[in-house]
Amino acid sequence: MIRPHSFRWVVILLSLLTGCTKEPSRMDNYWVDLATVLLDRDQLSLQLDNNQIVVPDQPIHEDLETGQRVIINYTPITNNLIQVHFLRKIFTGGIQPMESSHPIPADPVKVRSVWLTERHINLVLEIEYHHTPHSFGLYRDLSNVTEVDLHLGHSNEGDSPGYWQVTYLSFSLYNLSSPDKQLPCKLTLHTYEGIRIFQFNKPKDTGKRL
């Protein structure tokens, strides 16, 4: 049992300790962006979609190749130096010609976001995933000469019903010619509510902050 005078000393001691406790430090600002990996003689840098090139302040222990798209959470340090909190590879692909002999897989998705930049068309989707990896592709209808007519293909590869998973996709516009890039762009995909069509008049030269 604590005696009255002992209890008084405990209160005083706790008060002193409380007074000495520092205020919790404020967390640094951080950003979440998509970026493209650039490798030059094993020197890694990352090109953001606003064309800024940044360099991690510490080595990234990840098997990466030039052109791979990633999602990064980071804090700017100074100039082009950043502190990377996490980096994750995302699906990276290119545009393929549509072929009538090979129907485009049309398993539905949920759409969170779609946007176009100078170099990529990016999608944030939700898919119902259990254990089998799904496949994606982006196909162009070359018979349409008035616009860049793109169609997203998605196959669940027979995956069983499971849980909703957020998926990031990024497709390179590298093989579009200069005249192509001046045309309007249309993206068609299949959702649980039916076919959705996204129209883009011109690629933006800035990225989208996630």
N, C-alpha and C. Protein backbone atom coordinates (compact mmCIF):
# COMPACT_ATOMS: atom_id res chain seq x y z
N MET A 1 0.84 -1.20 0.00
CA MET A 1 0.00 0.00 0.00
C MET A 1 0.88 1.25 0.00
N ILE A 2 0.51 2.25 -0.80
CA ILE A 2 1.29 3.49 -0.87
C ILE A 2 0.83 4.43 0.22
N ARG A 3 1.80 4.90 1.05
CA ARG A 3 1.48 5.85 2.10
C ARG A 3 1.17 7.22 1.50
N PRO A 4 0.41 8.09 2.22
CA PRO A 4 0.04 9.42 1.69
C PRO A 4 1.23 10.24 1.25
N HIS A 5 2.31 10.26 2.09
CA HIS A 5 3.45 11.11 1.71
C HIS A 5 4.18 10.50 0.50
N SER A 6 4.18 9.16 0.40
CA SER A 6 4.80 8.53 -0.76
C SER A 6 4.02 8.86 -2.02
N PHE A 7 2.68 8.86 -1.91
CA PHE A 7 1.84 9.17 -3.06
C PHE A 7 2.13 10.59 -3.55
N ARG A 8 2.39 11.53 -2.59
CA ARG A 8 2.69 12.90 -2.97
C ARG A 8 3.96 12.96 -3.79
N TRP A 9 4.98 12.20 -3.41
CA TRP A 9 6.23 12.20 -4.17
C TRP A 9 6.04 11.57 -5.56
N VAL A 10 5.17 10.56 -5.65
CA VAL A 10 4.91 9.95 -6.95
C VAL A 10 4.27 10.97 -7.90
N VAL A 11 3.31 11.78 -7.38
CA VAL A 11 2.65 12.79 -8.20
C VAL A 11 3.65 13.82 -8.67
N ILE A 12 4.57 14.25 -7.78
CA ILE A 12 5.58 15.24 -8.15
C ILE A 12 6.50 14.69 -9.23
N LEU A 13 6.93 13.41 -9.05
CA LEU A 13 7.83 12.80 -10.01
C LEU A 13 7.17 12.67 -11.38
N LEU A 14 5.90 12.26 -11.39
CA LEU A 14 5.19 12.13 -12.66
C LEU A 14 5.02 13.49 -13.33
N SER A 15 4.82 14.53 -12.55
CA SER A 15 4.67 15.87 -13.11
C SER A 15 5.96 16.32 -13.77
N LEU A 16 7.09 16.01 -13.12
CA LEU A 16 8.38 16.39 -13.69
C LEU A 16 8.64 15.64 -15.00
N LEU A 17 8.32 14.33 -14.99
CA LEU A 17 8.53 13.55 -16.20
C LEU A 17 7.66 14.04 -17.33
N THR A 18 6.41 14.39 -17.01
CA THR A 18 5.50 14.89 -18.03
C THR A 18 5.99 16.20 -18.61
N GLY A 19 6.54 17.06 -17.72
CA GLY A 19 7.04 18.34 -18.18
C GLY A 19 8.25 18.21 -19.07
N CYS A 20 9.00 17.14 -18.89
CA CYS A 20 10.20 16.96 -19.69
C CYS A 20 9.93 16.26 -21.02
N THR A 21 8.72 15.72 -21.16
CA THR A 21 8.41 15.01 -22.40
C THR A 21 8.36 15.97 -23.57
N LYS A 22 9.06 15.64 -24.64
CA LYS A 22 9.08 16.50 -25.82
C LYS A 22 7.79 16.37 -26.60
N GLU A 23 7.46 17.45 -27.29
CA GLU A 23 6.32 17.40 -28.20
C GLU A 23 6.64 16.43 -29.34
N PRO A 24 5.64 15.64 -29.76
CA PRO A 24 5.92 14.73 -30.89
C PRO A 24 6.36 15.51 -32.12
N SER A 25 7.41 15.02 -32.77
CA SER A 25 7.93 15.73 -33.94
C SER A 25 6.97 15.59 -35.12
N ARG A 26 6.90 16.62 -35.93
CA ARG A 26 6.01 16.63 -37.09
C ARG A 26 6.60 15.78 -38.20
N MET A 27 5.76 14.96 -38.79
CA MET A 27 6.24 14.13 -39.90
C MET A 27 6.56 15.00 -41.11
N ASP A 28 7.58 14.58 -41.86
CA ASP A 28 7.93 15.28 -43.08
C ASP A 28 6.80 15.14 -44.11
N ASN A 29 6.69 16.15 -44.98
CA ASN A 29 5.77 16.03 -46.09
C ASN A 29 6.23 14.91 -47.01
N TYR A 30 5.28 14.22 -47.61
CA TYR A 30 5.65 13.19 -48.57
C TYR A 30 4.68 13.22 -49.73
N TRP A 31 5.16 12.67 -50.88
CA TRP A 31 4.35 12.62 -52.09
C TRP A 31 4.26 11.18 -52.55
N VAL A 32 3.18 10.89 -53.29
CA VAL A 32 3.03 9.59 -53.92
C VAL A 32 2.80 9.84 -55.41
N ASP A 33 3.69 9.32 -56.24
CA ASP A 33 3.66 9.56 -57.68
C ASP A 33 3.96 8.28 -58.44
N LEU A 34 3.61 8.29 -59.72
CA LEU A 34 4.12 7.29 -60.64
C LEU A 34 5.40 7.83 -61.28
N ALA A 35 6.31 6.94 -61.59
CA ALA A 35 7.59 7.36 -62.16
C ALA A 35 8.11 6.26 -63.08
N THR A 36 9.07 6.65 -63.94
CA THR A 36 9.72 5.71 -64.86
C THR A 36 11.17 5.52 -64.44
N VAL A 37 11.59 4.28 -64.37
CA VAL A 37 12.96 3.96 -63.97
C VAL A 37 13.94 4.30 -65.09
N LEU A 38 15.04 4.95 -64.74
CA LEU A 38 16.14 5.23 -65.66
C LEU A 38 17.42 4.66 -65.06
N LEU A 39 18.11 3.81 -65.82
CA LEU A 39 19.36 3.23 -65.35
C LEU A 39 20.48 3.61 -66.29
N ASP A 40 21.57 4.14 -65.73
CA ASP A 40 22.76 4.50 -66.51
C ASP A 40 23.97 3.98 -65.75
N ARG A 41 24.53 2.87 -66.25
CA ARG A 41 25.68 2.24 -65.59
C ARG A 41 25.37 1.96 -64.12
N ASP A 42 24.22 1.35 -63.90
CA ASP A 42 23.75 0.96 -62.57
C ASP A 42 23.41 2.15 -61.68
N GLN A 43 23.47 3.36 -62.22
CA GLN A 43 23.03 4.53 -61.46
C GLN A 43 21.53 4.70 -61.70
N LEU A 44 20.77 4.63 -60.62
CA LEU A 44 19.32 4.69 -60.72
C LEU A 44 18.81 6.10 -60.53
N SER A 45 17.93 6.52 -61.44
CA SER A 45 17.17 7.75 -61.26
C SER A 45 15.74 7.46 -61.68
N LEU A 46 14.85 8.38 -61.35
CA LEU A 46 13.43 8.20 -61.60
C LEU A 46 12.87 9.44 -62.29
N GLN A 47 12.17 9.24 -63.38
CA GLN A 47 11.56 10.36 -64.09
C GLN A 47 10.08 10.43 -63.74
N LEU A 48 9.69 11.52 -63.08
CA LEU A 48 8.29 11.72 -62.75
C LEU A 48 7.53 12.11 -64.01
N ASP A 49 6.22 12.03 -63.96
CA ASP A 49 5.43 12.32 -65.16
C ASP A 49 5.38 13.80 -65.50
N ASN A 50 5.89 14.66 -64.63
CA ASN A 50 6.02 16.08 -64.99
C ASN A 50 7.39 16.36 -65.59
N ASN A 51 8.11 15.27 -65.93
CA ASN A 51 9.44 15.30 -66.57
C ASN A 51 10.59 15.59 -65.61
N GLN A 52 10.30 15.83 -64.34
CA GLN A 52 11.39 16.03 -63.38
C GLN A 52 12.10 14.71 -63.11
N ILE A 53 13.42 14.75 -63.07
CA ILE A 53 14.22 13.56 -62.78
C ILE A 53 14.75 13.68 -61.35
N VAL A 54 14.47 12.65 -60.55
CA VAL A 54 14.89 12.65 -59.15
C VAL A 54 15.78 11.45 -58.89
N VAL A 55 16.61 11.58 -57.84
CA VAL A 55 17.57 10.54 -57.49
C VAL A 55 17.38 10.14 -56.03
N PRO A 56 17.19 8.85 -55.74
CA PRO A 56 17.07 8.41 -54.34
C PRO A 56 18.37 8.65 -53.59
N ASP A 57 18.25 9.00 -52.31
CA ASP A 57 19.45 9.26 -51.52
C ASP A 57 20.10 7.98 -51.00
N GLN A 58 19.38 6.84 -51.10
CA GLN A 58 19.91 5.55 -50.68
C GLN A 58 19.69 4.53 -51.80
N PRO A 59 20.52 3.48 -51.86
CA PRO A 59 20.32 2.45 -52.89
C PRO A 59 18.93 1.81 -52.79
N ILE A 60 18.35 1.50 -53.93
CA ILE A 60 17.06 0.82 -53.98
C ILE A 60 17.32 -0.66 -54.25
N HIS A 61 16.95 -1.49 -53.30
CA HIS A 61 17.21 -2.93 -53.43
C HIS A 61 16.01 -3.60 -54.09
N GLU A 62 15.92 -3.42 -55.38
CA GLU A 62 14.81 -3.93 -56.17
C GLU A 62 15.35 -4.22 -57.57
N ASP A 63 14.88 -5.30 -58.16
CA ASP A 63 15.31 -5.68 -59.51
C ASP A 63 14.54 -4.83 -60.51
N LEU A 64 15.19 -3.79 -61.04
CA LEU A 64 14.53 -2.82 -61.90
C LEU A 64 15.25 -2.71 -63.24
N GLU A 65 14.49 -2.34 -64.26
CA GLU A 65 15.04 -2.12 -65.59
C GLU A 65 14.58 -0.77 -66.11
N THR A 66 15.35 -0.19 -67.02
CA THR A 66 14.95 1.07 -67.64
C THR A 66 13.59 0.91 -68.32
N GLY A 67 12.72 1.87 -68.06
CA GLY A 67 11.39 1.84 -68.64
C GLY A 67 10.34 1.27 -67.72
N GLN A 68 10.76 0.54 -66.68
CA GLN A 68 9.79 0.00 -65.73
C GLN A 68 9.07 1.15 -65.02
N ARG A 69 7.76 1.01 -64.90
CA ARG A 69 6.98 2.01 -64.17
C ARG A 69 6.83 1.58 -62.72
N VAL A 70 6.90 2.55 -61.82
CA VAL A 70 6.82 2.27 -60.40
C VAL A 70 5.92 3.31 -59.73
N ILE A 71 5.42 2.95 -58.56
CA ILE A 71 4.75 3.91 -57.70
C ILE A 71 5.68 4.16 -56.52
N ILE A 72 5.90 5.44 -56.20
CA ILE A 72 6.84 5.77 -55.13
C ILE A 72 6.20 6.71 -54.11
N ASN A 73 6.54 6.47 -52.87
CA ASN A 73 6.21 7.37 -51.77
C ASN A 73 7.53 7.97 -51.31
N TYR A 74 7.65 9.30 -51.34
CA TYR A 74 8.95 9.91 -51.10
C TYR A 74 8.81 11.30 -50.48
N THR A 75 9.92 11.75 -49.93
CA THR A 75 10.03 13.10 -49.39
C THR A 75 11.17 13.83 -50.11
N PRO A 76 10.90 14.99 -50.70
CA PRO A 76 12.00 15.76 -51.32
C PRO A 76 13.01 16.20 -50.25
N ILE A 77 14.29 16.12 -50.61
CA ILE A 77 15.35 16.56 -49.68
C ILE A 77 15.90 17.90 -50.14
N THR A 78 16.53 17.91 -51.29
CA THR A 78 17.04 19.15 -51.85
C THR A 78 17.28 18.94 -53.33
N ASN A 79 17.02 19.99 -54.12
CA ASN A 79 17.18 19.90 -55.57
C ASN A 79 16.44 18.67 -56.10
N ASN A 80 17.20 17.73 -56.69
CA ASN A 80 16.55 16.54 -57.25
C ASN A 80 16.76 15.30 -56.38
N LEU A 81 17.21 15.48 -55.15
CA LEU A 81 17.46 14.36 -54.25
C LEU A 81 16.20 14.07 -53.43
N ILE A 82 15.84 12.78 -53.32
CA ILE A 82 14.64 12.41 -52.57
C ILE A 82 14.95 11.27 -51.60
N GLN A 83 14.15 11.20 -50.55
CA GLN A 83 14.18 10.05 -49.65
C GLN A 83 12.98 9.17 -49.99
N VAL A 84 13.24 7.94 -50.41
CA VAL A 84 12.18 7.02 -50.82
C VAL A 84 11.71 6.23 -49.61
N HIS A 85 10.42 6.31 -49.30
CA HIS A 85 9.85 5.54 -48.19
C HIS A 85 9.41 4.17 -48.67
N PHE A 86 8.82 4.09 -49.83
CA PHE A 86 8.61 2.80 -50.47
C PHE A 86 8.54 2.98 -51.97
N LEU A 87 8.88 1.90 -52.67
CA LEU A 87 8.84 1.87 -54.14
C LEU A 87 8.30 0.50 -54.54
N ARG A 88 7.34 0.49 -55.48
CA ARG A 88 6.76 -0.77 -55.91
C ARG A 88 6.58 -0.77 -57.42
N LYS A 89 6.99 -1.85 -58.04
CA LYS A 89 6.77 -1.98 -59.48
C LYS A 89 5.29 -2.12 -59.77
N ILE A 90 4.85 -1.53 -60.90
CA ILE A 90 3.47 -1.70 -61.34
C ILE A 90 3.47 -2.28 -62.75
N PHE A 91 2.32 -2.75 -63.19
CA PHE A 91 2.21 -3.33 -64.53
C PHE A 91 2.64 -2.29 -65.56
N THR A 92 3.55 -2.69 -66.44
CA THR A 92 4.07 -1.81 -67.48
C THR A 92 3.93 -2.49 -68.82
N GLY A 93 3.30 -1.83 -69.77
CA GLY A 93 3.10 -2.44 -71.08
C GLY A 93 3.17 -1.41 -72.19
N GLY A 94 2.89 -1.86 -73.41
CA GLY A 94 2.87 -0.98 -74.57
C GLY A 94 1.61 -1.22 -75.38
N ILE A 95 1.42 -0.43 -76.43
CA ILE A 95 0.25 -0.55 -77.28
C ILE A 95 0.49 -1.62 -78.35
N GLN A 96 -0.50 -2.50 -78.52
CA GLN A 96 -0.42 -3.55 -79.52
C GLN A 96 -1.51 -3.33 -80.57
N PRO A 97 -1.26 -3.73 -81.82
CA PRO A 97 -2.31 -3.60 -82.84
C PRO A 97 -3.44 -4.59 -82.58
N MET A 98 -4.66 -4.14 -82.81
CA MET A 98 -5.81 -5.01 -82.66
C MET A 98 -5.90 -5.95 -83.86
N GLU A 99 -6.16 -7.22 -83.58
CA GLU A 99 -6.28 -8.22 -84.65
C GLU A 99 -7.65 -8.88 -84.54
N SER A 100 -8.39 -8.89 -85.65
CA SER A 100 -9.75 -9.46 -85.65
C SER A 100 -9.75 -10.95 -85.34
N SER A 101 -8.62 -11.62 -85.64
CA SER A 101 -8.55 -13.05 -85.40
C SER A 101 -8.31 -13.40 -83.93
N HIS A 102 -7.98 -12.40 -83.13
CA HIS A 102 -7.74 -12.61 -81.71
C HIS A 102 -8.61 -11.65 -80.90
N PRO A 103 -9.80 -12.10 -80.47
CA PRO A 103 -10.68 -11.23 -79.69
C PRO A 103 -10.00 -10.72 -78.41
N ILE A 104 -10.31 -9.50 -78.05
CA ILE A 104 -9.74 -8.90 -76.84
C ILE A 104 -10.49 -9.43 -75.63
N PRO A 105 -9.78 -9.96 -74.61
CA PRO A 105 -10.47 -10.43 -73.41
C PRO A 105 -11.18 -9.27 -72.71
N ALA A 106 -12.40 -9.54 -72.23
CA ALA A 106 -13.24 -8.44 -71.75
C ALA A 106 -13.80 -8.72 -70.36
N ASP A 107 -13.01 -9.34 -69.49
CA ASP A 107 -13.46 -9.49 -68.11
C ASP A 107 -13.56 -8.11 -67.47
N PRO A 108 -14.64 -7.83 -66.73
CA PRO A 108 -14.87 -6.46 -66.25
C PRO A 108 -13.94 -6.05 -65.11
N VAL A 109 -13.82 -4.74 -64.96
CA VAL A 109 -13.02 -4.13 -63.89
C VAL A 109 -13.83 -2.99 -63.27
N LYS A 110 -13.39 -2.53 -62.12
CA LYS A 110 -13.89 -1.28 -61.55
C LYS A 110 -12.85 -0.20 -61.81
N VAL A 111 -13.30 0.98 -62.23
CA VAL A 111 -12.38 2.06 -62.59
C VAL A 111 -12.31 3.07 -61.45
N ARG A 112 -11.10 3.31 -60.99
CA ARG A 112 -10.88 4.38 -60.02
C ARG A 112 -10.42 5.66 -60.71
N SER A 113 -9.48 5.51 -61.64
CA SER A 113 -8.94 6.70 -62.29
C SER A 113 -8.25 6.31 -63.60
N VAL A 114 -8.33 7.21 -64.59
CA VAL A 114 -7.64 7.04 -65.87
C VAL A 114 -7.12 8.41 -66.27
N TRP A 115 -5.85 8.50 -66.67
CA TRP A 115 -5.33 9.78 -67.15
C TRP A 115 -4.20 9.55 -68.15
N LEU A 116 -4.00 10.56 -68.98
CA LEU A 116 -3.05 10.50 -70.08
C LEU A 116 -1.97 11.56 -69.88
N THR A 117 -0.71 11.16 -70.09
CA THR A 117 0.39 12.11 -70.07
C THR A 117 1.09 12.07 -71.43
N GLU A 118 2.16 12.80 -71.57
CA GLU A 118 2.90 12.80 -72.84
C GLU A 118 3.43 11.42 -73.20
N ARG A 119 3.78 10.62 -72.20
CA ARG A 119 4.46 9.36 -72.47
C ARG A 119 3.64 8.11 -72.11
N HIS A 120 2.61 8.25 -71.31
CA HIS A 120 1.91 7.06 -70.83
C HIS A 120 0.41 7.31 -70.69
N ILE A 121 -0.34 6.22 -70.77
CA ILE A 121 -1.72 6.23 -70.32
C ILE A 121 -1.77 5.36 -69.07
N ASN A 122 -2.32 5.91 -68.00
CA ASN A 122 -2.27 5.28 -66.68
C ASN A 122 -3.67 4.97 -66.19
N LEU A 123 -3.80 3.85 -65.50
CA LEU A 123 -5.09 3.44 -64.96
C LEU A 123 -4.92 2.94 -63.53
N VAL A 124 -5.89 3.28 -62.69
CA VAL A 124 -6.01 2.69 -61.37
C VAL A 124 -7.34 1.95 -61.36
N LEU A 125 -7.28 0.63 -61.22
CA LEU A 125 -8.46 -0.22 -61.33
C LEU A 125 -8.61 -1.06 -60.07
N GLU A 126 -9.78 -1.64 -59.92
CA GLU A 126 -10.01 -2.67 -58.91
C GLU A 126 -10.42 -3.95 -59.64
N ILE A 127 -9.79 -5.05 -59.26
CA ILE A 127 -10.14 -6.35 -59.83
C ILE A 127 -10.44 -7.31 -58.68
N GLU A 128 -11.29 -8.30 -58.98
CA GLU A 128 -11.59 -9.32 -57.97
C GLU A 128 -10.56 -10.43 -58.13
N TYR A 129 -9.69 -10.53 -57.14
CA TYR A 129 -8.53 -11.42 -57.23
C TYR A 129 -8.58 -12.46 -56.11
N HIS A 130 -8.21 -13.69 -56.48
CA HIS A 130 -8.11 -14.75 -55.47
C HIS A 130 -6.68 -15.27 -55.36
N HIS A 131 -6.19 -15.91 -56.44
CA HIS A 131 -4.83 -16.42 -56.37
C HIS A 131 -4.14 -16.52 -57.73
N THR A 132 -4.91 -16.45 -58.83
CA THR A 132 -4.33 -16.57 -60.16
C THR A 132 -4.04 -15.19 -60.74
N PRO A 133 -2.80 -14.91 -61.17
CA PRO A 133 -2.49 -13.59 -61.76
C PRO A 133 -3.36 -13.29 -62.98
N HIS A 134 -3.85 -12.07 -63.06
CA HIS A 134 -4.64 -11.63 -64.20
C HIS A 134 -3.71 -11.07 -65.28
N SER A 135 -4.22 -10.97 -66.50
CA SER A 135 -3.43 -10.40 -67.59
C SER A 135 -4.15 -9.20 -68.19
N PHE A 136 -3.35 -8.25 -68.69
CA PHE A 136 -3.89 -7.03 -69.27
C PHE A 136 -3.17 -6.74 -70.59
N GLY A 137 -3.83 -5.98 -71.43
CA GLY A 137 -3.22 -5.53 -72.67
C GLY A 137 -3.93 -4.29 -73.16
N LEU A 138 -3.24 -3.49 -73.95
CA LEU A 138 -3.82 -2.29 -74.54
C LEU A 138 -3.69 -2.41 -76.05
N TYR A 139 -4.82 -2.33 -76.76
CA TYR A 139 -4.85 -2.61 -78.19
C TYR A 139 -5.39 -1.41 -78.95
N ARG A 140 -4.81 -1.18 -80.12
CA ARG A 140 -5.23 -0.05 -80.95
C ARG A 140 -5.93 -0.54 -82.21
N ASP A 141 -7.09 0.05 -82.50
CA ASP A 141 -7.82 -0.22 -83.73
C ASP A 141 -7.23 0.68 -84.83
N LEU A 142 -6.41 0.09 -85.69
CA LEU A 142 -5.71 0.87 -86.72
C LEU A 142 -6.62 1.29 -87.86
N SER A 143 -7.83 0.73 -87.91
CA SER A 143 -8.76 1.13 -88.98
C SER A 143 -9.38 2.50 -88.71
N ASN A 144 -9.27 2.97 -87.47
CA ASN A 144 -9.79 4.29 -87.11
C ASN A 144 -8.67 5.32 -87.32
N VAL A 145 -8.82 6.17 -88.34
CA VAL A 145 -7.76 7.12 -88.67
C VAL A 145 -8.05 8.53 -88.13
N THR A 146 -9.20 8.72 -87.50
CA THR A 146 -9.56 10.04 -86.98
C THR A 146 -9.14 10.24 -85.53
N GLU A 147 -8.81 9.15 -84.84
CA GLU A 147 -8.39 9.24 -83.45
C GLU A 147 -7.56 8.02 -83.09
N VAL A 148 -6.86 8.10 -81.98
CA VAL A 148 -6.12 6.95 -81.46
C VAL A 148 -7.12 6.14 -80.65
N ASP A 149 -7.59 5.05 -81.24
CA ASP A 149 -8.69 4.26 -80.70
C ASP A 149 -8.13 3.06 -79.93
N LEU A 150 -8.13 3.16 -78.60
CA LEU A 150 -7.51 2.15 -77.74
C LEU A 150 -8.57 1.34 -77.00
N HIS A 151 -8.25 0.07 -76.77
CA HIS A 151 -9.15 -0.84 -76.07
C HIS A 151 -8.36 -1.61 -75.02
N LEU A 152 -8.82 -1.58 -73.78
CA LEU A 152 -8.16 -2.31 -72.70
C LEU A 152 -8.67 -3.74 -72.67
N GLY A 153 -7.74 -4.68 -72.70
CA GLY A 153 -8.08 -6.07 -72.53
C GLY A 153 -7.74 -6.54 -71.13
N HIS A 154 -8.66 -7.31 -70.52
CA HIS A 154 -8.41 -7.85 -69.19
C HIS A 154 -8.95 -9.27 -69.13
N SER A 155 -8.10 -10.21 -68.75
CA SER A 155 -8.50 -11.59 -68.54
C SER A 155 -8.19 -11.98 -67.10
N ASN A 156 -9.19 -12.55 -66.43
CA ASN A 156 -8.94 -13.02 -65.07
C ASN A 156 -8.29 -14.40 -65.05
N GLU A 157 -8.02 -14.96 -66.23
CA GLU A 157 -7.33 -16.24 -66.37
C GLU A 157 -7.99 -17.36 -65.56
N GLY A 158 -9.34 -17.29 -65.44
CA GLY A 158 -10.07 -18.32 -64.70
C GLY A 158 -9.93 -18.21 -63.19
N ASP A 159 -9.48 -17.06 -62.70
CA ASP A 159 -9.31 -16.88 -61.25
C ASP A 159 -10.64 -17.01 -60.52
N SER A 160 -10.61 -17.59 -59.34
CA SER A 160 -11.82 -17.76 -58.53
C SER A 160 -12.23 -16.43 -57.91
N PRO A 161 -13.52 -16.26 -57.58
CA PRO A 161 -13.94 -15.04 -56.86
C PRO A 161 -13.15 -14.91 -55.56
N GLY A 162 -12.73 -13.70 -55.26
CA GLY A 162 -11.92 -13.50 -54.06
C GLY A 162 -12.21 -12.17 -53.40
N TYR A 163 -11.22 -11.29 -53.39
CA TYR A 163 -11.37 -9.99 -52.74
C TYR A 163 -10.94 -8.91 -53.72
N TRP A 164 -11.39 -7.69 -53.46
CA TRP A 164 -11.08 -6.58 -54.37
C TRP A 164 -9.66 -6.09 -54.12
N GLN A 165 -8.93 -5.96 -55.20
CA GLN A 165 -7.53 -5.52 -55.12
C GLN A 165 -7.31 -4.36 -56.06
N VAL A 166 -6.64 -3.32 -55.57
CA VAL A 166 -6.30 -2.16 -56.40
C VAL A 166 -5.11 -2.52 -57.28
N THR A 167 -5.22 -2.21 -58.56
CA THR A 167 -4.18 -2.52 -59.54
C THR A 167 -3.81 -1.26 -60.32
N TYR A 168 -2.51 -1.02 -60.45
CA TYR A 168 -2.00 0.12 -61.21
C TYR A 168 -1.45 -0.38 -62.55
N LEU A 169 -1.88 0.26 -63.63
CA LEU A 169 -1.39 -0.09 -64.96
C LEU A 169 -0.83 1.15 -65.63
N SER A 170 0.23 0.97 -66.41
CA SER A 170 0.81 2.08 -67.15
C SER A 170 1.28 1.57 -68.50
N PHE A 171 0.76 2.17 -69.58
CA PHE A 171 1.10 1.75 -70.93
C PHE A 171 1.85 2.87 -71.64
N SER A 172 2.98 2.50 -72.25
CA SER A 172 3.81 3.48 -72.94
C SER A 172 3.17 3.90 -74.26
N LEU A 173 3.28 5.19 -74.57
CA LEU A 173 2.83 5.73 -75.85
C LEU A 173 4.00 5.86 -76.83
N TYR A 174 5.10 5.18 -76.54
CA TYR A 174 6.34 5.35 -77.29
C TYR A 174 6.15 5.09 -78.79
N ASN A 175 5.34 4.05 -79.12
CA ASN A 175 5.24 3.70 -80.54
C ASN A 175 4.19 4.50 -81.29
N LEU A 176 3.64 5.54 -80.68
CA LEU A 176 2.78 6.46 -81.41
C LEU A 176 3.65 7.47 -82.16
N SER A 177 3.32 7.73 -83.40
CA SER A 177 4.08 8.70 -84.19
C SER A 177 3.71 10.11 -83.74
N SER A 178 4.50 11.08 -84.19
CA SER A 178 4.21 12.48 -83.85
C SER A 178 2.82 12.91 -84.33
N PRO A 179 2.43 12.55 -85.59
CA PRO A 179 1.05 12.89 -86.02
C PRO A 179 -0.01 12.21 -85.16
N ASP A 180 0.26 10.95 -84.74
CA ASP A 180 -0.69 10.23 -83.88
C ASP A 180 -0.94 11.01 -82.59
N LYS A 181 0.13 11.56 -82.04
CA LYS A 181 0.01 12.23 -80.74
C LYS A 181 -0.77 13.53 -80.81
N GLN A 182 -1.02 14.02 -82.02
CA GLN A 182 -1.82 15.22 -82.18
C GLN A 182 -3.31 14.90 -82.32
N LEU A 183 -3.63 13.61 -82.48
CA LEU A 183 -5.02 13.20 -82.63
C LEU A 183 -5.70 13.04 -81.27
N PRO A 184 -7.02 13.17 -81.24
CA PRO A 184 -7.74 12.82 -79.99
C PRO A 184 -7.52 11.35 -79.67
N CYS A 185 -7.62 11.02 -78.40
CA CYS A 185 -7.41 9.64 -77.96
C CYS A 185 -8.66 9.14 -77.27
N LYS A 186 -9.03 7.91 -77.58
CA LYS A 186 -10.21 7.29 -76.96
C LYS A 186 -9.81 5.96 -76.35
N LEU A 187 -10.26 5.72 -75.11
CA LEU A 187 -9.99 4.46 -74.44
C LEU A 187 -11.32 3.80 -74.09
N THR A 188 -11.49 2.55 -74.52
CA THR A 188 -12.70 1.78 -74.24
C THR A 188 -12.34 0.61 -73.33
N LEU A 189 -13.14 0.40 -72.29
CA LEU A 189 -12.91 -0.75 -71.42
C LEU A 189 -14.24 -1.26 -70.86
N HIS A 190 -14.21 -2.49 -70.36
CA HIS A 190 -15.41 -3.14 -69.85
C HIS A 190 -15.44 -3.06 -68.32
N THR A 191 -16.55 -2.58 -67.78
CA THR A 191 -16.73 -2.50 -66.34
C THR A 191 -17.95 -3.32 -65.94
N TYR A 192 -18.18 -3.41 -64.63
CA TYR A 192 -19.34 -4.15 -64.14
C TYR A 192 -20.64 -3.42 -64.46
N GLU A 193 -20.55 -2.14 -64.79
CA GLU A 193 -21.74 -1.37 -65.17
C GLU A 193 -21.92 -1.29 -66.67
N GLY A 194 -21.02 -1.90 -67.41
CA GLY A 194 -21.09 -1.87 -68.87
C GLY A 194 -19.84 -1.25 -69.47
N ILE A 195 -19.87 -0.96 -70.76
CA ILE A 195 -18.71 -0.38 -71.46
C ILE A 195 -18.56 1.09 -71.08
N ARG A 196 -17.33 1.49 -70.77
CA ARG A 196 -17.03 2.90 -70.50
C ARG A 196 -16.02 3.39 -71.53
N ILE A 197 -16.20 4.63 -71.95
CA ILE A 197 -15.31 5.25 -72.93
C ILE A 197 -14.75 6.54 -72.34
N PHE A 198 -13.44 6.69 -72.39
CA PHE A 198 -12.75 7.89 -71.93
C PHE A 198 -12.17 8.62 -73.14
N GLN A 199 -12.43 9.91 -73.23
CA GLN A 199 -11.94 10.73 -74.34
C GLN A 199 -10.87 11.69 -73.83
N PHE A 200 -9.78 11.77 -74.57
CA PHE A 200 -8.69 12.69 -74.25
C PHE A 200 -8.38 13.49 -75.51
N ASN A 201 -8.44 14.81 -75.40
CA ASN A 201 -8.14 15.65 -76.55
C ASN A 201 -6.66 15.79 -76.81
N LYS A 202 -5.87 15.86 -75.74
CA LYS A 202 -4.43 16.06 -75.89
C LYS A 202 -3.73 15.60 -74.63
N PRO A 203 -2.60 14.89 -74.76
CA PRO A 203 -1.85 14.49 -73.56
C PRO A 203 -1.40 15.69 -72.75
N LYS A 204 -1.42 15.53 -71.43
CA LYS A 204 -0.94 16.59 -70.55
C LYS A 204 0.55 16.41 -70.29
N ASP A 205 1.24 17.51 -70.07
CA ASP A 205 2.67 17.42 -69.83
C ASP A 205 2.99 17.39 -68.35
N THR A 206 1.98 17.19 -67.53
CA THR A 206 2.21 17.06 -66.09
C THR A 206 1.62 15.76 -65.60
N GLY A 207 2.20 15.22 -64.56
CA GLY A 207 1.69 13.97 -64.00
C GLY A 207 0.54 14.22 -63.05
N LYS A 208 0.02 13.13 -62.52
CA LYS A 208 -1.08 13.21 -61.57
C LYS A 208 -0.56 12.74 -60.23
N ARG A 209 -0.74 13.56 -59.21
CA ARG A 209 -0.31 13.17 -57.87
C ARG A 209 -1.33 12.24 -57.27
N LEU A 210 -0.86 11.11 -56.74
CA LEU A 210 -1.78 10.09 -56.22
C LEU A 210 -2.12 10.35 -54.76
